[in-house]
């Protein structure tokens, strides 16, 4: 048996009211239930949906600026709310949060990452272009086997700690400008869209671009706890899409075995 769940805000009603549409494979039909967000909820809009699973078949609708609405599909279809950790640096909570945040369920833990992206003072132009000035990131985790909803601090890393002088990655990096070293080159890359690994603890994939409006990007896979690079890949989107989300994470590879065939 499996479920498909769709959450829709009730537009002509008070804030905090939703229609939960649920498909059940055992009945081959849809049902709709009126749902109310808890009193402590600051949830506004869905940035991402996560499957928590477990005995209760839990699903989470995540507002990456604020918190998570969780519904236990196999229990009573009631919401519970978990706030995200407070930002380490005060920021305006608007725009696309996926540029600097991500959340995922990894090996029984709910994991969350927040990046601070810095801009060189005085570099913003009228075309909303700018010169980056590095970044830092921190993670938190929550043990899903416990009844409490407490976040534990995880790892922290900043641009200067990313070891990119390894010759194995040198040929894949953007070309250095005259008088520029590797560290300063990283500072000026347009970084963002951190994506937590679904397979490895403390590993995050971060997209980088030389120019914000080009189609060529580099993805660094970084082990935040050991401050090492796990991998570096270069790819093109096929067309300029700006600094936009162009790759999702997937756990499907762990279900794929070695395929064999005969002619």
Protein backbone atom coordinates (compact mmCIF):
# COMPACT_ATOMS: atom_id res chain seq x y z
CA UNK A 1 0.00 0.00 0.00
CA UNK A 2 1.15 3.54 -0.70
CA UNK A 3 -0.15 7.08 -0.31
CA UNK A 4 0.00 10.21 -2.44
CA UNK A 5 -0.61 13.41 -0.45
CA UNK A 6 -1.28 16.90 -1.79
CA UNK A 7 -1.59 19.90 0.53
CA UNK A 8 -3.48 23.00 -0.65
CA UNK A 9 -4.11 26.17 1.32
CA UNK A 10 -7.77 27.17 1.61
CA UNK A 11 -7.63 30.60 -0.03
CA UNK A 12 -11.04 31.87 1.09
CA UNK A 13 -10.44 31.03 4.74
CA UNK A 14 -8.36 32.08 7.69
CA UNK A 15 -4.63 31.49 7.65
CA UNK A 16 -3.73 28.02 8.83
CA UNK A 17 -6.51 26.09 7.10
CA UNK A 18 -5.63 23.52 4.43
CA UNK A 19 -7.20 20.83 2.32
CA UNK A 20 -5.24 17.59 2.48
CA UNK A 21 -5.94 15.44 -0.59
CA UNK A 22 -4.88 11.81 -0.07
CA UNK A 23 -4.79 8.94 -2.55
CA UNK A 24 -4.68 5.38 -1.14
CA UNK A 25 -3.57 2.54 -3.38
CA UNK A 26 -5.61 -0.03 -1.42
CA UNK A 27 -8.88 1.78 -2.19
CA UNK A 28 -7.74 3.27 -5.51
CA UNK A 29 -9.41 6.53 -4.56
CA UNK A 30 -8.89 10.07 -3.29
CA UNK A 31 -10.22 11.68 -0.13
CA UNK A 32 -10.07 15.26 1.14
CA UNK A 33 -9.84 16.41 4.74
CA UNK A 34 -9.89 19.89 6.24
CA UNK A 35 -6.69 20.42 8.25
CA UNK A 36 -5.69 23.08 10.76
CA UNK A 37 -2.12 24.16 11.43
CA UNK A 38 -1.09 24.16 15.11
CA UNK A 39 -1.24 27.43 17.05
CA UNK A 40 2.56 27.73 17.10
CA UNK A 41 2.87 27.36 13.33
CA UNK A 42 4.57 30.10 11.31
CA UNK A 43 4.23 28.10 8.08
CA UNK A 44 3.45 30.22 4.99
CA UNK A 45 4.39 28.34 1.81
CA UNK A 46 5.93 25.03 0.75
CA UNK A 47 9.56 25.11 -0.40
CA UNK A 48 10.07 21.35 -0.35
CA UNK A 49 8.27 18.13 0.61
CA UNK A 50 10.10 15.39 2.52
CA UNK A 51 9.12 11.79 3.21
CA UNK A 52 9.95 10.98 6.82
CA UNK A 53 8.27 7.57 6.75
CA UNK A 54 8.49 5.37 9.81
CA UNK A 55 5.63 3.46 11.44
CA UNK A 56 3.36 6.50 11.18
CA UNK A 57 4.04 7.17 7.50
CA UNK A 58 5.00 10.78 8.20
CA UNK A 59 5.25 13.44 5.48
CA UNK A 60 6.64 16.95 5.96
CA UNK A 61 5.81 20.12 4.06
CA UNK A 62 8.74 22.47 4.57
CA UNK A 63 8.76 26.26 4.57
CA UNK A 64 12.54 26.69 4.46
CA UNK A 65 12.28 30.19 5.91
CA UNK A 66 10.29 29.08 8.95
CA UNK A 67 9.44 25.47 9.74
CA UNK A 68 7.82 22.13 8.90
CA UNK A 69 4.23 20.94 8.94
CA UNK A 70 4.30 17.19 9.58
CA UNK A 71 1.37 14.86 9.04
CA UNK A 72 1.34 11.26 10.30
CA UNK A 73 -0.60 9.66 7.46
CA UNK A 74 -1.19 6.33 9.24
CA UNK A 75 -2.28 7.84 12.54
CA UNK A 76 -4.90 10.58 12.55
CA UNK A 77 -3.89 12.98 9.80
CA UNK A 78 -3.22 15.74 12.35
CA UNK A 79 -0.50 18.32 11.84
CA UNK A 80 2.40 18.98 14.14
CA UNK A 81 4.84 21.82 13.62
CA UNK A 82 8.63 21.99 14.00
CA UNK A 83 10.41 25.34 13.81
CA UNK A 84 13.71 25.56 11.93
CA UNK A 85 16.81 26.77 13.81
CA UNK A 86 17.16 30.54 14.02
CA UNK A 87 19.52 32.12 11.44
CA UNK A 88 23.07 32.62 12.70
CA UNK A 89 23.17 35.95 10.87
CA UNK A 90 20.03 38.15 10.77
CA UNK A 91 18.52 38.06 7.29
CA UNK A 92 15.37 39.08 5.45
CA UNK A 93 13.27 35.93 5.11
CA UNK A 94 11.95 36.39 1.60
CA UNK A 95 12.76 35.21 -1.91
CA UNK A 96 13.71 31.66 -2.87
CA UNK A 97 15.10 29.91 0.24
CA UNK A 98 16.57 27.05 -1.83
CA UNK A 99 19.38 29.41 -2.82
CA UNK A 100 20.81 29.14 0.69
CA UNK A 101 18.98 26.33 2.52
CA UNK A 102 18.12 22.66 2.25
CA UNK A 103 16.59 19.92 4.38
CA UNK A 104 16.58 16.13 4.00
CA UNK A 105 16.02 12.88 5.86
CA UNK A 106 19.32 10.99 6.11
CA UNK A 107 19.81 7.73 8.01
CA UNK A 108 17.13 8.37 10.60
CA UNK A 109 17.95 12.04 11.09
CA UNK A 110 16.27 15.19 9.87
CA UNK A 111 19.15 17.32 8.56
CA UNK A 112 19.13 21.02 7.75
CA UNK A 113 21.73 23.37 6.25
CA UNK A 114 21.84 27.17 6.12
CA UNK A 115 24.34 29.16 4.02
CA UNK A 116 25.26 32.82 4.38
CA UNK A 117 26.22 34.27 1.00
CA UNK A 118 28.34 37.42 1.17
CA UNK A 119 28.53 40.25 -1.39
CA UNK A 120 31.50 42.55 -1.91
CA UNK A 121 30.45 46.02 -0.68
CA UNK A 122 29.64 48.48 -3.44
CA UNK A 123 29.58 45.83 -6.20
CA UNK A 124 25.82 45.63 -6.84
CA UNK A 125 24.82 47.13 -10.21
CA UNK A 126 21.48 48.30 -11.56
CA UNK A 127 21.14 44.95 -13.36
CA UNK A 128 21.19 43.10 -10.02
CA UNK A 129 24.65 41.76 -10.74
CA UNK A 130 27.25 41.74 -8.01
CA UNK A 131 30.65 40.42 -6.96
CA UNK A 132 30.47 37.53 -4.45
CA UNK A 133 32.69 37.66 -1.38
CA UNK A 134 32.59 34.08 -0.11
CA UNK A 135 30.17 32.13 2.02
CA UNK A 136 29.85 30.06 5.17
CA UNK A 137 27.47 27.26 6.08
CA UNK A 138 26.26 25.36 9.13
CA UNK A 139 24.17 22.23 9.66
CA UNK A 140 21.77 20.98 12.30
CA UNK A 141 20.21 17.56 12.84
CA UNK A 142 17.28 16.02 14.71
CA UNK A 143 17.01 12.38 15.78
CA UNK A 144 13.68 11.17 14.40
CA UNK A 145 13.59 8.21 16.80
CA UNK A 146 13.13 10.57 19.77
CA UNK A 147 9.85 12.14 20.80
CA UNK A 148 11.29 15.61 21.33
CA UNK A 149 11.88 18.10 18.52
CA UNK A 150 15.28 19.44 19.52
CA UNK A 151 17.86 20.46 16.94
CA UNK A 152 21.52 19.60 17.54
CA UNK A 153 24.29 21.68 16.00
CA UNK A 154 26.30 19.84 13.37
CA UNK A 155 29.17 21.13 11.24
CA UNK A 156 30.36 24.57 10.13
CA UNK A 157 32.55 25.50 7.18
CA UNK A 158 33.51 28.62 5.23
CA UNK A 159 35.06 29.32 1.84
CA UNK A 160 38.64 29.52 3.10
CA UNK A 161 38.41 25.97 4.49
CA UNK A 162 37.56 24.34 1.15
CA UNK A 163 40.80 22.60 0.01
CA UNK A 164 40.78 23.09 -3.76
CA UNK A 165 44.53 22.99 -4.40
CA UNK A 166 44.42 19.25 -5.05
CA UNK A 167 45.73 18.60 -8.55
CA UNK A 168 42.97 16.05 -9.08
CA UNK A 169 40.47 18.91 -9.26
CA UNK A 170 42.64 21.65 -10.73
CA UNK A 171 41.74 20.98 -14.36
CA UNK A 172 38.01 21.04 -13.61
CA UNK A 173 38.04 24.43 -11.91
CA UNK A 174 37.28 27.72 -13.68
CA UNK A 175 40.35 29.37 -15.17
CA UNK A 176 42.14 31.76 -12.85
CA UNK A 177 42.40 35.41 -13.74
CA UNK A 178 45.78 37.15 -13.91
CA UNK A 179 47.20 37.57 -10.40
CA UNK A 180 44.50 35.41 -8.83
CA UNK A 181 45.00 32.37 -6.62
CA UNK A 182 42.58 29.49 -6.07
CA UNK A 183 41.22 30.78 -2.78
CA UNK A 184 40.35 34.23 -4.14
CA UNK A 185 38.80 32.57 -7.19
CA UNK A 186 36.43 30.63 -4.90
CA UNK A 187 35.47 33.85 -3.12
CA UNK A 188 34.23 35.39 -6.36
CA UNK A 189 32.18 32.39 -7.55
CA UNK A 190 28.40 32.70 -7.33
CA UNK A 191 27.74 29.88 -4.85
CA UNK A 192 24.40 28.57 -3.69
CA UNK A 193 21.76 25.86 -3.78
CA UNK A 194 23.29 23.65 -1.07
CA UNK A 195 22.00 20.10 -1.45
CA UNK A 196 22.45 17.62 1.39
CA UNK A 197 23.69 14.17 0.41
CA UNK A 198 21.14 11.40 0.93
CA UNK A 199 23.90 8.77 1.15
CA UNK A 200 26.72 10.23 3.27
CA UNK A 201 26.77 12.02 6.60
CA UNK A 202 27.91 15.67 6.65
CA UNK A 203 28.31 15.87 2.86
CA UNK A 204 26.76 18.77 0.93
CA UNK A 205 26.76 19.58 -2.79
CA UNK A 206 27.11 23.30 -3.61
CA UNK A 207 26.59 24.83 -7.05
CA UNK A 208 29.06 27.49 -8.25
CA UNK A 209 29.10 29.77 -11.29
CA UNK A 210 31.61 32.31 -12.60
CA UNK A 211 28.86 34.50 -14.06
CA UNK A 212 25.37 34.40 -12.64
CA UNK A 213 23.64 34.32 -16.05
CA UNK A 214 25.70 31.62 -17.81
CA UNK A 215 24.74 27.98 -18.31
CA UNK A 216 28.03 26.46 -17.08
CA UNK A 217 28.30 25.48 -13.42
CA UNK A 218 30.53 23.50 -11.06
CA UNK A 219 29.21 21.39 -8.19
CA UNK A 220 31.50 20.83 -5.21
CA UNK A 221 30.72 17.82 -3.00
CA UNK A 222 32.15 18.81 0.37
CA UNK A 223 32.58 16.76 3.54
CA UNK A 224 31.90 19.51 6.08
CA UNK A 225 33.16 17.58 9.09
CA UNK A 226 36.54 16.69 7.56
CA UNK A 227 36.82 19.83 5.38
CA UNK A 228 37.63 17.74 2.33
CA UNK A 229 36.31 17.61 -1.23
CA UNK A 230 34.53 14.36 -2.07
CA UNK A 231 34.06 15.25 -5.71
CA UNK A 232 33.84 18.02 -8.27
CA UNK A 233 31.66 17.96 -11.38
CA UNK A 234 31.17 20.43 -14.20
CA UNK A 235 27.90 20.56 -16.10
CA UNK A 236 25.81 22.73 -18.40
CA UNK A 237 22.09 23.32 -18.19
CA UNK A 238 21.80 23.62 -21.98
CA UNK A 239 20.54 27.19 -21.77
CA UNK A 240 21.20 30.20 -19.54
CA UNK A 241 18.84 30.01 -16.56
CA UNK A 242 20.49 32.51 -14.23
CA UNK A 243 21.26 31.54 -10.67
CA UNK A 244 18.42 29.04 -10.56
CA UNK A 245 17.80 25.56 -9.21
CA UNK A 246 18.71 23.10 -11.96
CA UNK A 247 19.50 19.79 -10.26
CA UNK A 248 17.62 17.73 -7.62
CA UNK A 249 18.99 15.13 -5.24
CA UNK A 250 17.84 11.51 -5.49
CA UNK A 251 18.24 8.35 -3.48
CA UNK A 252 17.41 6.04 -6.36
CA UNK A 253 21.02 5.00 -6.97
CA UNK A 254 21.15 2.96 -3.75
CA UNK A 255 18.36 0.77 -5.12
CA UNK A 256 20.15 0.02 -8.38
CA UNK A 257 22.19 -3.16 -8.57
CA UNK A 258 24.65 -4.31 -11.22
CA UNK A 259 22.68 -4.95 -14.37
CA UNK A 260 23.64 -7.83 -16.62
CA UNK A 261 22.23 -8.87 -19.92
CA UNK A 262 22.95 -11.26 -22.75
CA UNK A 263 22.48 -10.81 -26.46
